[in-house]
Amino acid sequence: MRPLRRIDRYLITETVGPLVIGFLVYTFVLLAQFLLQSAEMIVRRGVPAAMVGEMLLLSLPNIVVITIPMAFLFGILVSIGRLSADSELIAMRSTGVSLLSLYRPILILSLVLTALNTYLMLTLLPAGNHALQRLRIDIVTQSINKQVEPRVFYDEWPGFMLYVWDAPPAAQEWHGVLLAERRPGAESQVTIAERGRIRVDETGERVNLTLTNAKTHRVDMDDPERYTVVLSDTLERLVEDRFTTNQRAKVKASKGLREKTIPELRRDLASPDFPEQLANLARVEIHKKFSLPAACLVFGLIALPMGFGARRGASKSSSFALSIVIILFYWVVLSNGEEAARVGKMSPWLAMWLPNLILAAFGLYLLWRRNRDKSLVLRDVERWLQKRVWAPLAAWNEGRHERRRSREVERRDRTAPAATDPAAPPLPAPPPPEGQSLSAAHRVRPPERRFVVRLPRLRLWLPSLLDRYIGKLFGRIALLVLGSMVAVFVVADLTEIADDLLSNEVPGETVFRYYRY
């Protein structure tokens, strides 16, 4: 194997730095989003810090498989844009180095990240998703006493309805408890107690409700005259049996497609009772496990020619905006393809590989044009843009500057000092009137001298040129970062709720309104 050239090592070093920064930023944003979504469960159930850390660790594979391609695209655009803005790429091209040769280190990084992302998709992602669901069940089991809210009916136990008047945060018991049967039968009963608490046995299977100073009212619905009241100092009621077993069985039975490995998905497809739409989604999930890692290869192919034309001083901001645009395009096409594959309008393999094919074809075209030192836009299109778009814009801009210069000249003329300014040189004497001698003209009284006082204009409401420049620069970067963070949030949230959207056949208009609100 040929060793890496110095230029290859240089390009890899330039790319790794922005790649790591982008990876940390994107991952932090998605982890913060995960914490916000889980905040209610964490606060209400009093989840300890160690369990919260375990939840974050188990959610990392689901986040990292998204942020790796995003960070790789951002890293290449920033590094290549910096080399182009500093004219280093022009110097390389002048020595005969082709863009295809420069693509070699990018291809090496793409292959490494593709292999890493494939391993995550095939192994860690299904296991992490399933372990995260089991951890949530454990949280529910261990914090069952904190699930009940005061003055809110609790109906999670089969056959029972619970109402609690007060639940002090520091105490382990409730004050004012009402326990009723949800479906009255021939004999119905309602229990009212002064205090109550939940106790789960050591196996986690039996959930008992312990009531203190309880009063049970029983009535026969067939014979209402038979009404009894039973007083108890301490009363034990079994409200749920096989709790942990049932909860874990629910997790196992409802194991989502994203929690399954490829052999498990193939077993589902081989089952004759598997629904058709779920079968399509299972095929989509199989192809997604390979198409999403392949996005690293595609992003590396398209980022090299697009980052070549970066201007000095605008490489980082423009690269950041360009990476967000490409990522949004990729996820929109991927999501629409997943919906089309679910209803059978598109083949699952084509739905998952279509964004890669589109961006790969576009990247090859851009690389071919850049390698031949041609513009990325076709000649006819460039002429049309020059005639219809850029020329009118240039003329309008020139007219705007001309009008501004005219206003400046008029303002200077209005505020110019008078000719009789004491500091100005004396004016020559006017010629004597006709028929009058020069001596008589000298006796004419000279014009009076006037003083001009110029006061500074109050411009508190109008920012200066420097203020406008700094404000414009800051506003552009702030809007860019804000838009990128919103885009990252939409991509992550759309990935999280994709299963619900597809299973419930939510129309695209509703999804658009959801994100608009």
Foldseek 3Di string as FASTA:
>chain_A
DDDDDPLLVVLLVQLVVQLVVQLVVLLVLVLVVVCVVCVVVCVLLVPDPVLVVLLSVLCSLVRNLLSNLLSNLLSLLLSLLVCQQVCVVVVVVVVPDFVVNVLVSLLVVLVVQLVVSLCSQFPSQLQSVLVSLLSVLVSCLVRVLSPDDAQDWDDPFPQKIKHFHADDPVDQKTAWIKIWGPDDDQKTKIKIAGMWHWDADPVSFWIKIKGAQMKMWMAGPVDRVPIDIDTDRIDIDTRGGGSSVVSVVVSVVPSDLSNDHLVVLVVLLPDPPRDPLVNLLSLLSVLLSNLSSSSSVLSSLQSNLVSNNHHHPCSNLVSLLVSLVLSLVLLVQLLVLSLCSSVPNDHSNCSSNVSSVVSNVLSVLSSVQVSVVHDSDDPVVVVCCVVPPVVVVVVVVVVVVVVVVVVVVVVCVVPPDDCLAVVHDDDDQDDDDPPDDPVVSVVDDDDDRDHDDDDDDDDPVPDDPVVVVVVVVVVSSVVSVVVSSLSSVVSSVCVVCSVVCNVVVPDPVVVVVVSVD
